[in-house]
């Protein structure tokens, strides 16, 4: 069932006027959007130029004036400190080793024993704790090697492929004679 909507002429004129006003408004909005996008593009371009001409040189100058000298100073300080520690540690280690060598010298031991017999510690006889630790480490290392060898050579059916399976002819066909 079709309903016939007949509008009065007055209503049709009002609707036509409203439609033209809406189309005009839509056109104005498109013009505003186009204009705003062109303004945004120009603002972006100007910002890039400003950054390139003003900001980057100032940042570079600030870096060269403030940051780089501090970094160079810190690098020089670290190098000097490192070489100073190396020299000091080397000297101290050399001195300790020299004192140890001198203390173990038999002539020095005899001289100290003559002057103050109780000043020298008794000489060690037999194995110390370090010897037992070294023996234990050797046993652990040997056990590790033995375990690695065992893991390498164990008979694992999934890891081994028989060569006979690859060379065998397929069942059902006789080997072809060689001429």
Protein backbone atom coordinates (compact mmCIF):
# COMPACT_ATOMS: atom_id res chain seq x y z
CA UNK A 1 0.00 0.00 0.00
CA UNK A 2 1.58 3.23 -1.14
CA UNK A 3 1.04 6.41 0.75
CA UNK A 4 0.95 9.48 -1.40
CA UNK A 5 2.63 12.28 0.40
CA UNK A 6 1.64 15.34 -1.32
CA UNK A 7 3.24 18.41 0.11
CA UNK A 8 1.88 21.80 -0.21
CA UNK A 9 3.74 24.25 -2.41
CA UNK A 10 4.66 26.28 0.58
CA UNK A 11 6.23 23.23 2.27
CA UNK A 12 8.14 22.32 -0.92
CA UNK A 13 9.57 25.86 -1.17
CA UNK A 14 10.67 25.78 2.45
CA UNK A 15 12.36 22.38 1.95
CA UNK A 16 14.05 23.60 -1.24
CA UNK A 17 15.30 26.72 0.55
CA UNK A 18 16.53 24.60 3.48
CA UNK A 19 18.35 22.23 1.08
CA UNK A 20 20.08 25.11 -0.70
CA UNK A 21 21.06 26.65 2.63
CA UNK A 22 22.48 23.28 3.79
CA UNK A 23 24.44 22.89 0.51
CA UNK A 24 25.78 26.42 0.84
CA UNK A 25 26.81 25.72 4.47
CA UNK A 26 28.51 22.45 3.37
CA UNK A 27 30.45 24.35 0.68
CA UNK A 28 31.51 27.00 3.21
CA UNK A 29 32.69 24.30 5.60
CA UNK A 30 34.77 22.67 2.83
CA UNK A 31 36.35 26.04 2.06
CA UNK A 32 37.17 26.57 5.75
CA UNK A 33 38.68 23.06 6.01
CA UNK A 34 40.77 23.60 2.86
CA UNK A 35 41.99 26.96 4.16
CA UNK A 36 42.80 25.53 7.62
CA UNK A 37 44.78 22.63 6.11
CA UNK A 38 46.81 25.04 3.97
CA UNK A 39 47.48 27.20 7.05
CA UNK A 40 48.58 24.09 8.98
CA UNK A 41 50.93 23.05 6.14
CA UNK A 42 52.46 26.52 6.05
CA UNK A 43 52.85 26.55 9.85
CA UNK A 44 54.61 23.18 9.70
CA UNK A 45 56.95 24.44 6.98
CA UNK A 46 57.73 27.58 8.97
CA UNK A 47 58.39 25.52 12.11
CA UNK A 48 60.85 23.32 10.22
CA UNK A 49 62.63 26.38 8.86
CA UNK A 50 62.74 27.98 12.30
CA UNK A 51 64.12 24.81 13.84
CA UNK A 52 66.75 24.49 11.13
CA UNK A 53 67.79 28.17 11.27
CA UNK A 54 67.46 28.98 14.97
CA UNK A 55 67.07 25.96 17.26
CA UNK A 56 69.63 23.55 15.79
CA UNK A 57 72.49 26.09 15.79
CA UNK A 58 71.70 27.11 19.36
CA UNK A 59 71.58 23.50 20.53
CA UNK A 60 74.84 22.77 18.71
CA UNK A 61 76.48 25.86 20.25
CA UNK A 62 75.22 24.90 23.71
CA UNK A 63 76.52 21.37 23.28
CA UNK A 64 79.91 22.61 22.08
CA UNK A 65 80.09 25.21 24.89
CA UNK A 66 78.82 23.23 27.87
CA UNK A 67 78.56 19.49 27.27
CA UNK A 68 81.61 18.67 25.15
CA UNK A 69 84.16 20.36 27.46
CA UNK A 70 82.69 18.53 30.43
CA UNK A 71 82.84 15.23 28.56
CA UNK A 72 86.42 15.90 27.49
CA UNK A 73 87.31 16.78 31.06
CA UNK A 74 85.63 13.63 32.39
CA UNK A 75 87.40 11.50 29.76
CA UNK A 76 90.79 13.02 30.67
CA UNK A 77 90.08 12.56 34.39
CA UNK A 78 89.07 8.91 33.85
CA UNK A 79 92.21 8.20 31.83
CA UNK A 80 94.46 9.83 34.41
CA UNK A 81 92.71 8.04 37.27
CA UNK A 82 92.96 4.72 35.46
CA UNK A 83 96.65 5.08 34.76
CA UNK A 84 97.25 6.27 38.35
CA UNK A 85 95.41 3.24 39.75
CA UNK A 86 97.32 0.98 37.38
CA UNK A 87 100.65 2.44 38.49
CA UNK A 88 99.74 2.33 42.18
CA UNK A 89 98.32 -1.18 42.01
CA UNK A 90 101.31 -2.39 39.99
CA UNK A 91 103.72 -0.87 42.48
CA UNK A 92 101.86 -2.33 45.45
CA UNK A 93 101.64 -5.76 43.86
CA UNK A 94 105.31 -5.67 42.95
CA UNK A 95 106.20 -4.66 46.49
CA UNK A 96 104.12 -7.46 47.99
CA UNK A 97 105.68 -10.01 45.67
CA UNK A 98 109.16 -8.69 46.44
CA UNK A 99 108.50 -8.85 50.18
CA UNK A 100 107.20 -12.41 49.76
CA UNK A 101 110.30 -13.40 47.82
CA UNK A 102 112.57 -11.79 50.40
CA UNK A 103 110.68 -13.42 53.29
CA UNK A 104 111.04 -16.86 51.71
CA UNK A 105 114.77 -16.44 51.09
CA UNK A 106 116.67 -18.84 53.35
CA UNK A 107 119.43 -16.31 54.15
CA UNK A 108 116.85 -13.78 55.37
CA UNK A 109 115.09 -16.47 57.43
CA UNK A 110 118.34 -17.47 59.11
CA UNK A 111 119.20 -13.83 59.86
CA UNK A 112 115.75 -13.12 61.35
CA UNK A 113 115.89 -16.37 63.34
CA UNK A 114 119.22 -15.33 64.87
CA UNK A 115 117.86 -11.93 65.89
CA UNK A 116 114.33 -12.94 67.00
CA UNK A 117 113.62 -16.65 66.84
CA UNK A 118 109.94 -16.26 67.78
CA UNK A 119 109.28 -13.66 65.01
CA UNK A 120 109.13 -16.20 62.20
CA UNK A 121 106.03 -18.32 61.71
CA UNK A 122 106.70 -22.04 61.64
CA UNK A 123 107.24 -23.46 58.18
CA UNK A 124 104.31 -25.38 56.76
CA UNK A 125 104.76 -29.06 56.34
CA UNK A 126 102.32 -31.12 54.32
CA UNK A 127 99.31 -30.20 52.21
CA UNK A 128 97.26 -27.14 53.04
CA UNK A 129 93.65 -26.19 52.31
CA UNK A 130 94.58 -24.89 48.86
CA UNK A 131 96.01 -28.27 47.89
CA UNK A 132 92.79 -30.03 48.84
CA UNK A 133 90.71 -27.44 46.96
CA UNK A 134 92.85 -27.93 43.84
CA UNK A 135 92.50 -31.71 44.07
CA UNK A 136 88.71 -31.36 44.45
CA UNK A 137 88.52 -29.03 41.43
CA UNK A 138 90.55 -31.54 39.40
CA UNK A 139 88.19 -34.37 40.36
CA UNK A 140 85.12 -32.30 39.42
CA UNK A 141 86.70 -31.37 36.07
CA UNK A 142 87.56 -35.01 35.33
CA UNK A 143 84.00 -36.06 36.20
CA UNK A 144 82.64 -33.38 33.85
CA UNK A 145 84.84 -34.60 31.00
CA UNK A 146 83.83 -38.21 31.64
CA UNK A 147 80.14 -37.25 31.61
CA UNK A 148 80.56 -35.32 28.34
CA UNK A 149 82.29 -38.31 26.73
CA UNK A 150 79.55 -40.64 28.00
CA UNK A 151 76.84 -38.35 26.59
CA UNK A 152 78.62 -38.22 23.24
CA UNK A 153 79.11 -41.94 22.78
CA UNK A 154 76.00 -43.39 24.42
CA UNK A 155 73.89 -45.72 22.27
CA UNK A 156 70.84 -43.66 21.44
CA UNK A 157 68.69 -45.41 18.82
CA UNK A 158 67.11 -42.17 17.65
CA UNK A 159 70.46 -40.56 16.92
CA UNK A 160 72.00 -43.41 14.93
CA UNK A 161 70.94 -44.20 11.36
CA UNK A 162 72.04 -47.49 9.90
CA UNK A 163 73.79 -47.21 6.56
CA UNK A 164 72.26 -50.50 5.39
CA UNK A 165 68.79 -48.91 5.25
CA UNK A 166 69.90 -46.31 2.72
CA UNK A 167 71.68 -48.74 0.36
CA UNK A 168 69.03 -51.50 0.45
CA UNK A 169 66.79 -51.78 -2.66
CA UNK A 170 63.08 -51.28 -2.20
CA UNK A 171 61.09 -54.44 -1.51
CA UNK A 172 59.28 -55.89 -4.48
CA UNK A 173 61.85 -55.09 -7.12
CA UNK A 174 64.90 -57.15 -7.92
CA UNK A 175 68.25 -55.49 -8.16
CA UNK A 176 69.06 -54.49 -11.69
CA UNK A 177 71.97 -56.35 -13.25
CA UNK A 178 75.10 -54.38 -13.94
CA UNK A 179 76.26 -54.71 -17.53
